[in-house]
Amino acid sequence: QVQLVESGGGLVQAGGSLRLSCTASGIRFSVIAMAWYRQAPGKQRELVARITSGGSTNYADSVKGRFTISRDNTKNTVYLQMNSLKPEDTAVYYCNGAGSVWGQGTQVTVSS
């Protein structure tokens, strides 16, 4: 059974940092692209960052220079380091594997 489990969300003040983790099971983690999406209340889900199996990355313009996606294939885990957080980063963050597998989401709330 394929499963993605996120952790690391929470409440932080503007300017602070959080690191999200997503651990995969039941899937050949090392050969698939992984991504983080987010969905704010009343808005569509949007791509935040993506990392290929080879380690190439791309980011939404709104997070470039502040967020970093990385992966550890020995732990079947993808990370999202979020720095200089802004209130507009408040959303539920979802891990995605291979474009089709989703985690349950983790809430990130940034207070002003």
Protein backbone atom coordinates (compact mmCIF):
# COMPACT_ATOMS: atom_id res chain seq x y z
CA GLN A 1 0.00 0.00 0.00
CA VAL A 2 1.41 3.36 -1.06
CA GLN A 3 1.45 5.93 1.71
CA LEU A 4 2.86 9.43 2.20
CA VAL A 5 2.97 10.83 5.73
CA GLU A 6 3.73 14.50 6.32
CA SER A 7 4.94 16.11 9.53
CA GLY A 8 6.43 19.36 10.72
CA GLY A 9 3.62 21.85 10.31
CA GLY A 10 2.58 24.28 13.00
CA LEU A 11 2.19 27.88 14.04
CA VAL A 12 5.07 30.30 13.53
CA GLN A 13 5.51 34.07 13.53
CA ALA A 14 6.26 35.95 10.35
CA GLY A 15 9.95 35.76 9.57
CA GLY A 16 10.29 32.37 11.21
CA SER A 17 11.14 28.96 9.81
CA LEU A 18 9.65 25.50 9.62
CA ARG A 19 10.77 22.24 8.07
CA LEU A 20 8.23 19.85 6.65
CA SER A 21 8.96 16.16 6.15
CA CYS A 22 7.20 13.56 4.06
CA THR A 23 8.05 9.89 4.39
CA ALA A 24 6.96 7.43 1.74
CA SER A 25 6.24 3.73 1.94
CA GLY A 26 5.10 1.14 -0.55
CA ILE A 27 6.69 2.98 -3.46
CA ARG A 28 10.06 3.03 -5.24
CA PHE A 29 10.92 6.38 -3.75
CA SER A 30 14.32 6.87 -5.36
CA VAL A 31 12.99 6.75 -8.94
CA ILE A 32 10.07 9.15 -8.67
CA ALA A 33 9.69 12.89 -8.58
CA MET A 34 8.35 14.36 -5.35
CA ALA A 35 6.61 17.65 -4.79
CA TRP A 36 5.02 19.89 -2.22
CA TYR A 37 1.72 21.63 -2.90
CA ARG A 38 -0.33 23.94 -0.73
CA GLN A 39 -3.92 25.02 -0.50
CA ALA A 40 -5.08 28.12 1.32
CA PRO A 41 -8.72 28.61 2.32
CA GLY A 42 -10.84 29.51 -0.68
CA LYS A 43 -7.97 29.00 -3.12
CA GLN A 44 -6.90 26.29 -5.51
CA ARG A 45 -4.14 23.88 -4.64
CA GLU A 46 -0.84 25.14 -6.06
CA LEU A 47 2.60 23.70 -6.66
CA VAL A 48 5.19 24.99 -4.20
CA ALA A 49 8.29 22.98 -5.12
CA ARG A 50 9.26 19.85 -6.99
CA ILE A 51 12.34 17.65 -7.03
CA THR A 52 13.10 14.99 -9.63
CA SER A 53 14.67 11.62 -8.95
CA GLY A 54 17.96 13.13 -10.11
CA GLY A 55 17.72 16.06 -7.72
CA SER A 56 16.68 18.84 -10.09
CA THR A 57 14.37 21.33 -8.45
CA ASN A 58 11.86 23.99 -9.39
CA TYR A 59 9.88 26.43 -7.27
CA ALA A 60 6.88 28.65 -7.41
CA ASP A 61 7.93 32.26 -7.92
CA SER A 62 6.34 33.20 -4.59
CA VAL A 63 8.73 30.99 -2.60
CA LYS A 64 11.97 31.24 -4.59
CA GLY A 65 14.87 32.17 -2.36
CA ARG A 66 12.93 31.32 0.81
CA PHE A 67 12.01 27.64 0.49
CA THR A 68 14.27 24.67 -0.28
CA ILE A 69 13.13 21.19 -1.28
CA SER A 70 15.46 18.25 -0.75
CA ARG A 71 15.29 14.48 -0.54
CA ASP A 72 17.03 11.66 1.29
CA ASN A 73 16.56 8.46 -0.66
CA THR A 74 18.06 6.40 2.17
CA LYS A 75 15.14 7.49 4.35
CA ASN A 76 12.44 7.64 1.66
CA THR A 77 11.85 11.20 2.79
CA VAL A 78 11.43 14.56 1.08
CA TYR A 79 11.80 17.82 2.99
CA LEU A 80 10.65 21.38 2.56
CA GLN A 81 12.72 23.93 4.47
CA MET A 82 10.72 27.14 4.74
CA ASN A 83 12.48 30.32 5.83
CA SER A 84 11.37 33.94 6.07
CA LEU A 85 7.78 32.81 6.33
CA LYS A 86 5.00 35.25 5.52
CA PRO A 87 1.33 35.26 6.54
CA GLU A 88 0.45 34.50 2.91
CA ASP A 89 2.29 31.17 3.25
CA THR A 90 -0.50 30.01 5.56
CA ALA A 91 -2.06 26.89 4.02
CA VAL A 92 -2.37 23.14 4.25
CA TYR A 93 0.77 21.69 2.70
CA TYR A 94 0.52 18.39 0.83
CA CYS A 95 3.22 15.99 -0.24
CA ASN A 96 2.87 14.46 -3.69
CA GLY A 97 4.63 11.49 -5.20
CA ALA A 98 4.91 10.76 -8.90
CA GLY A 99 2.13 13.19 -9.63
CA SER A 100 -0.60 10.90 -8.36
CA VAL A 101 -0.06 9.95 -4.71
CA TRP A 102 -1.02 12.42 -1.99
CA GLY A 103 -0.36 12.72 1.69
CA GLN A 104 -2.99 13.80 4.19
CA GLY A 105 -1.65 17.34 4.52
CA THR A 106 -0.13 19.35 7.34
CA GLN A 107 -1.27 22.80 8.46
CA VAL A 108 1.15 25.71 8.37
CA THR A 109 -0.03 28.94 9.98
CA VAL A 110 2.08 32.10 9.89
CA SER A 111 0.99 34.89 12.20
CA SER A 112 1.74 38.55 11.51
